[in-house]
Amino acid sequence: MNTPSMLRALPIQHRQRLMRLAREVTFPQGTHIFNEGAQADRFWIIRTGSIELDTHVPGQRRAIIETLGHNELVGLSWLFAPHVWHLGATAATPVRAYEFDATAVRSLCRDDPALGQAVTQWAGDVLAHRLRTTRTRLLDLYAPYGAGSSV
């Protein structure tokens, strides 16, 4: 199951208001967009390319949790206090994206409760998907053979 895109999740009037805050950015392949534990002050919607979400596993190299592509939301921690990234993100290919300032979007959401509720629902749906994906991926990587059948 793919994560809900902004196009499917938000009514057109909310999308239009949100997109007024967007700025276009690019990331060369290999760029670390954000690191786990850093301040979450923005988020992105991918236009082209792909971004890998990863997590630090002590004694191991980073574990790639999910690869995101066209129209997918990158970054959720900007919406929820304490606004610190819970995962890392790296451009797997050259990326073009829309970037949003978290403070501006949170302010817009406070000023327009209907928009705020729609954005929160969208982010919550994406978050639920990412939690399921993370659990499955970590079990695939680190659980003993057969552990998935009894979990």
Protein backbone atom coordinates (compact mmCIF):
# COMPACT_ATOMS: atom_id res chain seq x y z
CA MET A 1 0.00 0.00 0.00
CA ASN A 2 1.39 3.40 -0.98
CA THR A 3 1.28 6.35 1.35
CA PRO A 4 -1.51 8.83 0.68
CA SER A 5 -0.35 11.65 -1.60
CA MET A 6 -1.31 15.24 -0.88
CA LEU A 7 -3.31 15.21 -4.13
CA ARG A 8 -5.55 12.40 -2.86
CA ALA A 9 -5.60 13.44 0.80
CA LEU A 10 -6.36 17.17 0.73
CA PRO A 11 -9.29 19.00 -0.84
CA ILE A 12 -8.21 21.31 -3.67
CA GLN A 13 -8.74 24.54 -1.67
CA HIS A 14 -6.41 23.24 1.09
CA ARG A 15 -3.82 22.02 -1.43
CA GLN A 16 -3.80 25.43 -3.10
CA ARG A 17 -3.29 27.28 0.21
CA LEU A 18 -0.53 24.91 1.24
CA MET A 19 1.23 25.12 -2.14
CA ARG A 20 1.49 28.91 -1.78
CA LEU A 21 4.07 28.20 0.92
CA ALA A 22 6.12 25.79 -1.22
CA ARG A 23 9.48 26.51 -2.75
CA GLU A 24 11.21 24.30 -5.30
CA VAL A 25 14.46 22.63 -4.23
CA THR A 26 16.87 20.05 -5.65
CA PHE A 27 19.08 17.50 -3.93
CA PRO A 28 21.97 15.77 -5.70
CA GLN A 29 22.18 12.00 -5.30
CA GLY A 30 23.73 11.08 -1.94
CA THR A 31 22.65 14.28 -0.16
CA HIS A 32 21.73 13.73 3.49
CA ILE A 33 18.50 15.72 3.68
CA PHE A 34 18.09 15.29 7.42
CA ASN A 35 19.54 13.14 10.18
CA GLU A 36 17.80 11.28 12.97
CA GLY A 37 17.75 13.47 16.09
CA ALA A 38 18.14 16.83 14.28
CA GLN A 39 15.63 19.69 14.40
CA ALA A 40 12.60 19.05 12.15
CA ASP A 41 11.88 22.48 10.70
CA ARG A 42 10.61 21.63 7.20
CA PHE A 43 9.15 18.90 5.03
CA TRP A 44 9.07 18.01 1.34
CA ILE A 45 6.86 16.55 -1.35
CA ILE A 46 8.89 14.74 -3.99
CA ARG A 47 8.38 15.88 -7.59
CA THR A 48 11.01 13.61 -9.20
CA GLY A 49 13.60 11.16 -7.91
CA SER A 50 13.66 9.03 -4.80
CA ILE A 51 14.58 9.44 -1.15
CA GLU A 52 15.53 6.68 1.28
CA LEU A 53 14.34 6.86 4.87
CA ASP A 54 16.74 5.24 7.28
CA THR A 55 17.31 4.58 10.95
CA HIS A 56 20.44 4.17 13.03
CA VAL A 57 20.95 0.67 14.38
CA PRO A 58 23.78 0.45 16.96
CA GLY A 59 26.67 -1.66 15.72
CA GLN A 60 25.23 -1.82 12.19
CA ARG A 61 25.18 0.44 9.17
CA ARG A 62 22.03 2.49 8.67
CA ALA A 63 18.92 0.45 7.95
CA ILE A 64 16.90 1.67 4.99
CA ILE A 65 13.25 1.60 6.04
CA GLU A 66 11.51 2.79 2.90
CA THR A 67 12.20 4.42 -0.45
CA LEU A 68 9.88 7.30 -1.32
CA GLY A 69 9.09 8.67 -4.78
CA HIS A 70 6.83 10.96 -6.79
CA ASN A 71 4.19 12.90 -4.79
CA GLU A 72 5.20 11.31 -1.47
CA LEU A 73 5.59 13.24 1.77
CA VAL A 74 9.11 13.34 3.22
CA GLY A 75 9.21 14.24 6.89
CA LEU A 76 6.54 14.00 9.58
CA SER A 77 8.33 15.11 12.72
CA TRP A 78 7.83 18.80 11.89
CA LEU A 79 4.15 18.44 12.86
CA PHE A 80 4.56 16.74 16.24
CA ALA A 81 6.44 18.16 19.24
CA PRO A 82 9.30 18.10 20.06
CA HIS A 83 9.91 18.55 16.28
CA VAL A 84 12.94 16.25 16.09
CA TRP A 85 13.51 13.80 13.24
CA HIS A 86 12.86 10.17 14.16
CA LEU A 87 14.45 8.86 10.95
CA GLY A 88 17.09 10.08 8.53
CA ALA A 89 16.67 10.78 4.81
CA THR A 90 19.09 10.60 1.88
CA ALA A 91 18.57 11.32 -1.82
CA ALA A 92 18.89 7.93 -3.52
CA THR A 93 18.78 9.65 -6.93
CA PRO A 94 18.80 13.31 -7.94
CA VAL A 95 15.63 14.79 -6.41
CA ARG A 96 13.39 17.73 -7.22
CA ALA A 97 10.90 18.55 -4.50
CA TYR A 98 8.61 21.13 -3.00
CA GLU A 99 9.92 22.30 0.36
CA PHE A 100 7.69 23.71 3.10
CA ASP A 101 8.70 25.71 6.16
CA ALA A 102 7.22 23.90 9.17
CA THR A 103 6.57 27.03 11.24
CA ALA A 104 4.64 28.66 8.39
CA VAL A 105 2.56 25.53 7.77
CA ARG A 106 1.78 25.04 11.47
CA SER A 107 0.69 28.69 11.63
CA LEU A 108 -1.54 28.24 8.57
CA CYS A 109 -3.05 25.14 10.18
CA ARG A 110 -3.77 27.03 13.43
CA ASP A 111 -5.40 29.90 11.50
CA ASP A 112 -7.58 27.56 9.42
CA PRO A 113 -8.81 24.66 11.58
CA ALA A 114 -10.35 22.80 8.61
CA LEU A 115 -7.04 22.91 6.75
CA GLY A 116 -5.23 21.95 9.96
CA GLN A 117 -7.48 18.95 10.46
CA ALA A 118 -6.98 17.84 6.85
CA VAL A 119 -3.18 18.19 7.06
CA THR A 120 -3.11 16.35 10.41
CA GLN A 121 -5.28 13.52 9.01
CA TRP A 122 -3.02 13.24 5.94
CA ALA A 123 0.14 13.22 8.08
CA GLY A 124 -1.44 10.71 10.49
CA ASP A 125 -2.28 8.35 7.62
CA VAL A 126 1.29 8.62 6.33
CA LEU A 127 2.66 8.09 9.85
CA ALA A 128 0.56 4.94 10.35
CA HIS A 129 1.85 3.58 7.04
CA ARG A 130 5.47 4.40 7.96
CA LEU A 131 5.15 2.69 11.36
CA ARG A 132 3.87 -0.50 9.69
CA THR A 133 6.64 -0.32 7.08
CA THR A 134 9.33 0.29 9.72
CA ARG A 135 8.20 -2.65 11.84
CA THR A 136 8.11 -4.99 8.85
CA ARG A 137 11.48 -3.82 7.54
CA LEU A 138 13.23 -4.16 10.91
CA LEU A 139 11.78 -7.64 11.37
CA ASP A 140 13.03 -8.56 7.89
CA LEU A 141 16.51 -7.28 8.71
CA TYR A 142 17.05 -8.31 12.32
CA ALA A 143 14.57 -10.96 13.51
CA PRO A 144 15.73 -14.58 13.65
CA TYR A 145 14.46 -16.76 10.81
CA GLY A 146 10.80 -17.56 11.38
CA ALA A 147 10.29 -14.89 14.04
CA GLY A 148 7.75 -13.09 11.87
CA SER A 149 5.28 -15.96 12.13
CA SER A 150 4.88 -15.68 15.91
CA VAL A 151 5.03 -11.88 16.25
